[in-house]
């Protein structure tokens, strides 16, 4: 589990609730189910309206990366490429064909097949980068649902505030209903802004970070393939690939 994500969320919540208590307020005054329903429901509806269902589903499933980041083993990838490089220098590129059945990743298998087929280095780069661009576009579109939620949430919060004030104005003759209406109004704004800046936008930022890492690893892989196709020395390939590791 990514402990820094847990710590960040807890610190943010503690700071807000602590400030409320220090000002003499009550934590229970921030609990307004009606306001929460307006903000969560309105934000969800807006995000669903703008997103195709497959993109929305993938975006929701990606949220687990905040707590359990995707495994990116750059060292394993470099070792794999170096093994291919050494074998190709000893026995030629066709010797790599026997490794194809053992490669499970489709992207890696496509690159290895291009090497076996004797494709030109620049042609390999061109074909593999098309895959990378498509891969990055799909993941970023999915991560964007959280960024969009961060944009809609404050506005929906304001909408909830206006609805609460309308309710207050309708019941000016009944003072017993004024407090609840005003509470919904202000708490809806807190929920909208708070969820956007403590949850949705941070999630979007972390997902984009991991997507960048994943794309960088694929670019590293392509760089290694091109080096093998050019017949570069394995030590030179290794030195170049290690520049991608952060």
C-alpha atoms as a PDB file:
ATOM      1  CA  UNK A   1       0.000   0.000   0.000  1.00  0.00           C
ATOM      2  CA  UNK A   2       1.156   3.520  -0.823  1.00  0.00           C
ATOM      3  CA  UNK A   3       1.494   4.972   2.681  1.00  0.00           C
ATOM      4  CA  UNK A   4       2.029   8.538   1.471  1.00  0.00           C
ATOM      5  CA  UNK A   5      -1.433   8.547  -0.150  1.00  0.00           C
ATOM      6  CA  UNK A   6      -3.057   7.404   3.085  1.00  0.00           C
ATOM      7  CA  UNK A   7      -1.061   9.969   5.077  1.00  0.00           C
ATOM      8  CA  UNK A   8      -1.958  12.784   2.711  1.00  0.00           C
ATOM      9  CA  UNK A   9      -5.683  12.089   2.899  1.00  0.00           C
ATOM     10  CA  UNK A  10      -5.635  11.741   6.686  1.00  0.00           C
ATOM     11  CA  UNK A  11      -3.623  14.954   7.158  1.00  0.00           C
ATOM     12  CA  UNK A  12      -6.062  16.868   4.963  1.00  0.00           C
ATOM     13  CA  UNK A  13      -9.120  15.573   6.825  1.00  0.00           C
ATOM     14  CA  UNK A  14      -7.559  16.132  10.242  1.00  0.00           C
ATOM     15  CA  UNK A  15      -6.577  19.693   9.319  1.00  0.00           C
ATOM     16  CA  UNK A  16     -10.121  20.552   8.218  1.00  0.00           C
ATOM     17  CA  UNK A  17     -11.876  18.893  11.141  1.00  0.00           C
ATOM     18  CA  UNK A  18      -9.298  20.245  13.572  1.00  0.00           C
ATOM     19  CA  UNK A  19      -9.843  23.757  12.272  1.00  0.00           C
ATOM     20  CA  UNK A  20     -13.584  23.334  12.678  1.00  0.00           C
ATOM     21  CA  UNK A  21     -13.165  22.229  16.293  1.00  0.00           C
ATOM     22  CA  UNK A  22     -10.625  24.957  17.114  1.00  0.00           C
ATOM     23  CA  UNK A  23     -13.091  27.542  15.903  1.00  0.00           C
ATOM     24  CA  UNK A  24     -15.612  26.213  18.382  1.00  0.00           C
ATOM     25  CA  UNK A  25     -17.677  24.351  15.819  1.00  0.00           C
ATOM     26  CA  UNK A  26     -18.906  20.776  15.949  1.00  0.00           C
ATOM     27  CA  UNK A  27     -17.835  17.981  13.621  1.00  0.00           C
ATOM     28  CA  UNK A  28     -21.450  16.840  13.456  1.00  0.00           C
ATOM     29  CA  UNK A  29     -22.424  20.128  11.817  1.00  0.00           C
ATOM     30  CA  UNK A  30     -20.426  19.063   8.762  1.00  0.00           C
ATOM     31  CA  UNK A  31     -22.479  15.898   8.393  1.00  0.00           C
ATOM     32  CA  UNK A  32     -25.321  16.717   6.013  1.00  0.00           C
ATOM     33  CA  UNK A  33     -26.549  13.684   4.011  1.00  0.00           C
ATOM     34  CA  UNK A  34     -28.670  15.871   1.734  1.00  0.00           C
ATOM     35  CA  UNK A  35     -25.718  18.032   0.745  1.00  0.00           C
ATOM     36  CA  UNK A  36     -23.546  14.961   0.203  1.00  0.00           C
ATOM     37  CA  UNK A  37     -26.199  13.379  -2.005  1.00  0.00           C
ATOM     38  CA  UNK A  38     -26.439  16.516  -4.136  1.00  0.00           C
ATOM     39  CA  UNK A  39     -22.663  16.819  -4.600  1.00  0.00           C
ATOM     40  CA  UNK A  40     -21.846  13.132  -5.148  1.00  0.00           C
ATOM     41  CA  UNK A  41     -24.885  12.425  -7.304  1.00  0.00           C
ATOM     42  CA  UNK A  42     -24.534  15.564  -9.399  1.00  0.00           C
ATOM     43  CA  UNK A  43     -20.813  15.018  -9.960  1.00  0.00           C
ATOM     44  CA  UNK A  44     -21.317  11.371 -10.880  1.00  0.00           C
ATOM     45  CA  UNK A  45     -24.053  12.269 -13.329  1.00  0.00           C
ATOM     46  CA  UNK A  46     -21.909  14.903 -15.029  1.00  0.00           C
ATOM     47  CA  UNK A  47     -18.936  12.544 -15.348  1.00  0.00           C
ATOM     48  CA  UNK A  48     -21.124   9.745 -16.728  1.00  0.00           C
ATOM     49  CA  UNK A  49     -22.617  12.143 -19.257  1.00  0.00           C
ATOM     50  CA  UNK A  50     -19.216  13.131 -20.633  1.00  0.00           C
ATOM     51  CA  UNK A  51     -17.552   9.685 -20.591  1.00  0.00           C
ATOM     52  CA  UNK A  52     -18.138   6.507 -22.623  1.00  0.00           C
ATOM     53  CA  UNK A  53     -18.885   3.588 -20.286  1.00  0.00           C
ATOM     54  CA  UNK A  54     -15.627   1.639 -20.984  1.00  0.00           C
ATOM     55  CA  UNK A  55     -13.582   4.762 -20.241  1.00  0.00           C
ATOM     56  CA  UNK A  56     -15.526   5.397 -17.030  1.00  0.00           C
ATOM     57  CA  UNK A  57     -15.109   1.812 -15.835  1.00  0.00           C
ATOM     58  CA  UNK A  58     -11.384   1.820 -16.528  1.00  0.00           C
ATOM     59  CA  UNK A  59     -11.003   5.166 -14.784  1.00  0.00           C
ATOM     60  CA  UNK A  60     -12.781   3.909 -11.663  1.00  0.00           C
ATOM     61  CA  UNK A  61     -10.682   0.735 -11.578  1.00  0.00           C
ATOM     62  CA  UNK A  62      -7.512   2.825 -11.909  1.00  0.00           C
ATOM     63  CA  UNK A  63      -8.287   4.555  -8.609  1.00  0.00           C
ATOM     64  CA  UNK A  64      -6.772   1.572  -6.785  1.00  0.00           C
ATOM     65  CA  UNK A  65      -3.359   2.725  -8.082  1.00  0.00           C
ATOM     66  CA  UNK A  66      -3.494   5.526  -5.505  1.00  0.00           C
ATOM     67  CA  UNK A  67      -3.296   2.888  -2.758  1.00  0.00           C
ATOM     68  CA  UNK A  68      -1.689   0.006  -4.672  1.00  0.00           C
ATOM     69  CA  UNK A  69       0.563   1.404  -7.431  1.00  0.00           C
ATOM     70  CA  UNK A  70       1.135  -0.615 -10.634  1.00  0.00           C
ATOM     71  CA  UNK A  71       4.309  -2.696 -10.561  1.00  0.00           C
ATOM     72  CA  UNK A  72       6.908  -1.221 -12.919  1.00  0.00           C
ATOM     73  CA  UNK A  73      10.026  -3.380 -12.898  1.00  0.00           C
ATOM     74  CA  UNK A  74      12.484  -1.442 -15.063  1.00  0.00           C
ATOM     75  CA  UNK A  75      15.379  -3.668 -14.040  1.00  0.00           C
ATOM     76  CA  UNK A  76      13.569  -6.769 -15.272  1.00  0.00           C
ATOM     77  CA  UNK A  77      12.870  -5.060 -18.599  1.00  0.00           C
ATOM     78  CA  UNK A  78      16.497  -4.010 -18.983  1.00  0.00           C
ATOM     79  CA  UNK A  79      17.700  -7.545 -18.154  1.00  0.00           C
ATOM     80  CA  UNK A  80      15.305  -8.973 -20.734  1.00  0.00           C
ATOM     81  CA  UNK A  81      16.564  -6.618 -23.432  1.00  0.00           C
ATOM     82  CA  UNK A  82      20.184  -7.329 -22.587  1.00  0.00           C
ATOM     83  CA  UNK A  83      19.516 -11.075 -22.864  1.00  0.00           C
ATOM     84  CA  UNK A  84      18.044 -10.518 -26.306  1.00  0.00           C
ATOM     85  CA  UNK A  85      20.946  -8.299 -27.293  1.00  0.00           C
ATOM     86  CA  UNK A  86      23.595 -10.804 -26.233  1.00  0.00           C
ATOM     87  CA  UNK A  87      21.815 -13.676 -27.983  1.00  0.00           C
ATOM     88  CA  UNK A  88      21.393 -11.699 -31.204  1.00  0.00           C
ATOM     89  CA  UNK A  89      25.087 -10.753 -31.277  1.00  0.00           C
ATOM     90  CA  UNK A  90      26.143 -14.362 -30.771  1.00  0.00           C
ATOM     91  CA  UNK A  91      23.671 -16.132 -33.056  1.00  0.00           C
ATOM     92  CA  UNK A  92      21.932 -13.443 -35.102  1.00  0.00           C
ATOM     93  CA  UNK A  93      18.472 -11.911 -34.897  1.00  0.00           C
ATOM     94  CA  UNK A  94      16.759 -15.076 -36.121  1.00  0.00           C
ATOM     95  CA  UNK A  95      17.901 -16.823 -32.937  1.00  0.00           C
ATOM     96  CA  UNK A  96      15.443 -14.632 -31.042  1.00  0.00           C
ATOM     97  CA  UNK A  97      12.535 -16.473 -32.647  1.00  0.00           C
ATOM     98  CA  UNK A  98      12.780 -19.311 -30.135  1.00  0.00           C
ATOM     99  CA  UNK A  99      12.057 -16.800 -27.345  1.00  0.00           C
ATOM    100  CA  UNK A 100       8.697 -15.693 -28.773  1.00  0.00           C
ATOM    101  CA  UNK A 101       6.533 -18.369 -27.059  1.00  0.00           C
ATOM    102  CA  UNK A 102       7.857 -17.313 -23.654  1.00  0.00           C
ATOM    103  CA  UNK A 103       6.947 -13.630 -24.051  1.00  0.00           C
ATOM    104  CA  UNK A 104       3.495 -12.990 -22.552  1.00  0.00           C
ATOM    105  CA  UNK A 105       3.201  -9.211 -22.957  1.00  0.00           C
ATOM    106  CA  UNK A 106       1.693  -8.324 -26.349  1.00  0.00           C
ATOM    107  CA  UNK A 107       3.723  -5.132 -26.685  1.00  0.00           C
ATOM    108  CA  UNK A 108       7.008  -6.942 -25.981  1.00  0.00           C
ATOM    109  CA  UNK A 109       6.057  -9.819 -28.279  1.00  0.00           C
ATOM    110  CA  UNK A 110       5.317  -7.418 -31.134  1.00  0.00           C
ATOM    111  CA  UNK A 111       8.721  -5.780 -30.683  1.00  0.00           C
ATOM    112  CA  UNK A 112      10.518  -9.120 -30.571  1.00  0.00           C
ATOM    113  CA  UNK A 113       8.682 -10.277 -33.688  1.00  0.00           C
ATOM    114  CA  UNK A 114       9.800  -7.150 -35.545  1.00  0.00           C
ATOM    115  CA  UNK A 115      13.401  -7.921 -34.571  1.00  0.00           C
ATOM    116  CA  UNK A 116      13.075 -11.501 -35.805  1.00  0.00           C
ATOM    117  CA  UNK A 117      11.569 -10.260 -39.064  1.00  0.00           C
ATOM    118  CA  UNK A 118      14.614  -8.041 -39.582  1.00  0.00           C
ATOM    119  CA  UNK A 119      12.703  -4.766 -39.631  1.00  0.00           C
ATOM    120  CA  UNK A 120      14.683  -1.562 -40.070  1.00  0.00           C
ATOM    121  CA  UNK A 121      15.503   0.146 -36.721  1.00  0.00           C
ATOM    122  CA  UNK A 122      13.609   3.306 -37.593  1.00  0.00           C
ATOM    123  CA  UNK A 123      10.677   1.276 -38.829  1.00  0.00           C
ATOM    124  CA  UNK A 124      10.612  -0.562 -35.501  1.00  0.00           C
ATOM    125  CA  UNK A 125      10.586   2.745 -33.636  1.00  0.00           C
ATOM    126  CA  UNK A 126       7.814   4.119 -35.839  1.00  0.00           C
ATOM    127  CA  UNK A 127       5.545   1.082 -35.447  1.00  0.00           C
ATOM    128  CA  UNK A 128       6.097   0.719 -31.711  1.00  0.00           C
ATOM    129  CA  UNK A 129       5.544   4.424 -31.041  1.00  0.00           C
ATOM    130  CA  UNK A 130       2.116   4.183 -32.682  1.00  0.00           C
ATOM    131  CA  UNK A 131       1.249   1.578 -30.050  1.00  0.00           C
ATOM    132  CA  UNK A 132       2.659   3.765 -27.284  1.00  0.00           C
ATOM    133  CA  UNK A 133       0.623   6.778 -28.401  1.00  0.00           C
ATOM    134  CA  UNK A 134      -2.579   4.728 -28.471  1.00  0.00           C
ATOM    135  CA  UNK A 135      -1.761   3.174 -25.094  1.00  0.00           C
ATOM    136  CA  UNK A 136      -1.093   6.565 -23.496  1.00  0.00           C
ATOM    137  CA  UNK A 137      -4.210   8.115 -25.004  1.00  0.00           C
ATOM    138  CA  UNK A 138      -6.457   5.359 -23.601  1.00  0.00           C
ATOM    139  CA  UNK A 139      -5.061   5.546 -20.071  1.00  0.00           C
ATOM    140  CA  UNK A 140      -5.038   9.348 -19.942  1.00  0.00           C
ATOM    141  CA  UNK A 141      -8.655   9.500 -21.147  1.00  0.00           C
ATOM    142  CA  UNK A 142      -9.615   7.168 -18.286  1.00  0.00           C
ATOM    143  CA  UNK A 143      -7.645   9.147 -15.694  1.00  0.00           C
ATOM    144  CA  UNK A 144      -9.311  12.321 -16.907  1.00  0.00           C
ATOM    145  CA  UNK A 145     -12.649  11.308 -15.361  1.00  0.00           C
ATOM    146  CA  UNK A 146     -11.157  12.193 -11.958  1.00  0.00           C
ATOM    147  CA  UNK A 147      -9.881  15.515 -13.239  1.00  0.00           C
ATOM    148  CA  UNK A 148     -13.340  16.212 -14.663  1.00  0.00           C
ATOM    149  CA  UNK A 149     -14.954  15.275 -11.336  1.00  0.00           C
ATOM    150  CA  UNK A 150     -12.642  17.809  -9.693  1.00  0.00           C
ATOM    151  CA  UNK A 151     -13.970  20.456 -12.058  1.00  0.00           C
ATOM    152  CA  UNK A 152     -17.646  19.621 -11.689  1.00  0.00           C
ATOM    153  CA  UNK A 153     -17.726  19.021  -7.928  1.00  0.00           C
ATOM    154  CA  UNK A 154     -17.272  22.658  -6.750  1.00  0.00           C
ATOM    155  CA  UNK A 155     -19.915  23.830  -9.205  1.00  0.00           C
ATOM    156  CA  UNK A 156     -22.358  21.167  -8.037  1.00  0.00           C
ATOM    157  CA  UNK A 157     -21.552  22.275  -4.478  1.00  0.00           C
ATOM    158  CA  UNK A 158     -22.564  25.810  -5.368  1.00  0.00           C
ATOM    159  CA  UNK A 159     -25.731  24.432  -6.935  1.00  0.00           C
ATOM    160  CA  UNK A 160     -26.460  22.662  -3.649  1.00  0.00           C
ATOM    161  CA  UNK A 161     -25.852  25.914  -1.795  1.00  0.00           C
ATOM    162  CA  UNK A 162     -28.303  27.770  -4.016  1.00  0.00           C
ATOM    163  CA  UNK A 163     -30.893  25.020  -3.523  1.00  0.00           C
ATOM    164  CA  UNK A 164     -30.426  25.309   0.234  1.00  0.00           C
ATOM    165  CA  UNK A 165     -30.916  29.056   0.117  1.00  0.00           C
ATOM    166  CA  UNK A 166     -34.040  28.651  -1.998  1.00  0.00           C
ATOM    167  CA  UNK A 167     -35.355  26.298   0.661  1.00  0.00           C
ATOM    168  CA  UNK A 168     -34.538  28.911   3.304  1.00  0.00           C
ATOM    169  CA  UNK A 169     -36.350  31.656   1.387  1.00  0.00           C
ATOM    170  CA  UNK A 170     -39.421  29.440   1.000  1.00  0.00           C
ATOM    171  CA  UNK A 171     -39.604  28.954   4.759  1.00  0.00           C
ATOM    172  CA  UNK A 172     -38.902  32.428   6.092  1.00  0.00           C
ATOM    173  CA  UNK A 173     -42.203  32.272   7.926  1.00  0.00           C
ATOM    174  CA  UNK A 174     -41.089  29.114   9.780  1.00  0.00           C
ATOM    175  CA  UNK A 175     -37.877  29.844  11.749  1.00  0.00           C
ATOM    176  CA  UNK A 176     -37.540  26.167  12.742  1.00  0.00           C
ATOM    177  CA  UNK A 177     -36.637  25.251   9.167  1.00  0.00           C
ATOM    178  CA  UNK A 178     -34.169  28.031   8.526  1.00  0.00           C
ATOM    179  CA  UNK A 179     -31.207  26.435  10.290  1.00  0.00           C
ATOM    180  CA  UNK A 180     -31.358  23.179   8.357  1.00  0.00           C
ATOM    181  CA  UNK A 181     -31.639  24.956   5.024  1.00  0.00           C
ATOM    182  CA  UNK A 182     -28.695  27.243   5.711  1.00  0.00           C
ATOM    183  CA  UNK A 183     -26.611  24.267   6.920  1.00  0.00           C
ATOM    184  CA  UNK A 184     -27.259  22.357   3.701  1.00  0.00           C
ATOM    185  CA  UNK A 185     -26.372  25.446   1.704  1.00  0.00           C
ATOM    186  CA  UNK A 186     -22.952  26.008   3.222  1.00  0.00           C
ATOM    187  CA  UNK A 187     -22.019  22.364   3.778  1.00  0.00           C
ATOM    188  CA  UNK A 188     -22.794  21.526   0.136  1.00  0.00           C
ATOM    189  CA  UNK A 189     -20.147  24.060  -0.899  1.00  0.00           C
ATOM    190  CA  UNK A 190     -17.671  22.543   1.561  1.00  0.00           C
ATOM    191  CA  UNK A 191     -18.331  19.064   0.177  1.00  0.00           C
ATOM    192  CA  UNK A 192     -17.972  20.223  -3.417  1.00  0.00           C
ATOM    193  CA  UNK A 193     -14.716  22.107  -2.925  1.00  0.00           C
ATOM    194  CA  UNK A 194     -13.327  19.625  -0.394  1.00  0.00           C
ATOM    195  CA  UNK A 195     -13.911  16.530  -2.530  1.00  0.00           C
ATOM    196  CA  UNK A 196     -12.453  18.251  -5.578  1.00  0.00           C
ATOM    197  CA  UNK A 197      -9.260  19.383  -3.883  1.00  0.00           C
ATOM    198  CA  UNK A 198      -8.734  16.555  -1.384  1.00  0.00           C
ATOM    199  CA  UNK A 199      -9.864  13.582  -3.446  1.00  0.00           C
ATOM    200  CA  UNK A 200     -10.620  13.984  -7.157  1.00  0.00           C
ATOM    201  CA  UNK A 201      -7.792  16.238  -8.343  1.00  0.00           C
ATOM    202  CA  UNK A 202      -5.086  14.517  -6.237  1.00  0.00           C
ATOM    203  CA  UNK A 203      -6.218  11.137  -7.585  1.00  0.00           C
ATOM    204  CA  UNK A 204      -6.055  12.491 -11.143  1.00  0.00           C
ATOM    205  CA  UNK A 205      -2.559  13.855 -10.534  1.00  0.00           C
ATOM    206  CA  UNK A 206      -1.245  10.578  -9.124  1.00  0.00           C
ATOM    207  CA  UNK A 207      -2.783   8.531 -11.927  1.00  0.00           C
ATOM    208  CA  UNK A 208      -1.162  10.782 -14.532  1.00  0.00           C
ATOM    209  CA  UNK A 209       2.181  10.324 -12.766  1.00  0.00           C
ATOM    210  CA  UNK A 210       1.921   6.536 -13.007  1.00  0.00           C
ATOM    211  CA  UNK A 211       0.774   6.709 -16.618  1.00  0.00           C
ATOM    212  CA  UNK A 212       3.869   8.791 -17.389  1.00  0.00           C
ATOM    213  CA  UNK A 213       6.022   6.123 -15.718  1.00  0.00           C
ATOM    214  CA  UNK A 214       4.355   3.358 -17.721  1.00  0.00           C
ATOM    215  CA  UNK A 215       4.827   5.230 -20.991  1.00  0.00           C
ATOM    216  CA  UNK A 216       8.462   5.963 -20.121  1.00  0.00           C
ATOM    217  CA  UNK A 217       9.087   2.253 -19.544  1.00  0.00           C
ATOM    218  CA  UNK A 218       7.644   1.436 -22.956  1.00  0.00           C
ATOM    219  CA  UNK A 219       9.794   4.118 -24.560  1.00  0.00           C
ATOM    220  CA  UNK A 220      12.795   2.579 -22.835  1.00  0.00           C
ATOM    221  CA  UNK A 221      11.826  -0.801 -24.258  1.00  0.00           C
ATOM    222  CA  UNK A 222      11.593   0.620 -27.767  1.00  0.00           C
ATOM    223  CA  UNK A 223      14.983   2.302 -27.367  1.00  0.00           C
ATOM    224  CA  UNK A 224      16.435  -1.089 -26.413  1.00  0.00           C
ATOM    225  CA  UNK A 225      14.832  -2.780 -29.421  1.00  0.00           C
ATOM    226  CA  UNK A 226      16.295  -0.178 -31.751  1.00  0.00           C
ATOM    227  CA  UNK A 227      19.737  -0.688 -30.201  1.00  0.00           C
ATOM    228  CA  UNK A 228      19.484  -4.443 -30.753  1.00  0.00           C
ATOM    229  CA  UNK A 229      18.347  -3.946 -34.361  1.00  0.00           C
ATOM    230  CA  UNK A 230      21.340  -1.650 -34.956  1.00  0.00           C
ATOM    231  CA  UNK A 231      23.712  -4.224 -33.486  1.00  0.00           C
ATOM    232  CA  UNK A 232      24.871  -1.972 -30.637  1.00  0.00           C
ATOM    233  CA  UNK A 233      27.089  -3.404 -27.939  1.00  0.00           C
ATOM    234  CA  UNK A 234      25.008  -4.693 -24.978  1.00  0.00           C
ATOM    235  CA  UNK A 235      26.991  -2.471 -22.593  1.00  0.00           C
ATOM    236  CA  UNK A 236      26.097   0.594 -24.645  1.00  0.00           C
ATOM    237  CA  UNK A 237      22.433  -0.461 -24.682  1.00  0.00           C
ATOM    238  CA  UNK A 238      22.474  -1.015 -20.923  1.00  0.00           C
ATOM    239  CA  UNK A 239      24.030   2.391 -20.292  1.00  0.00           C
ATOM    240  CA  UNK A 240      21.426   4.116 -22.427  1.00  0.00           C
ATOM    241  CA  UNK A 241      18.493   2.275 -20.861  1.00  0.00           C
ATOM    242  CA  UNK A 242      19.601   3.026 -17.318  1.00  0.00           C
ATOM    243  CA  UNK A 243      19.086   6.706 -18.132  1.00  0.00           C
ATOM    244  CA  UNK A 244      15.336   6.022 -18.075  1.00  0.00           C
ATOM    245  CA  UNK A 245      15.353   4.611 -14.553  1.00  0.00           C
ATOM    246  CA  UNK A 246      14.258   7.057 -11.831  1.00  0.00           C
END
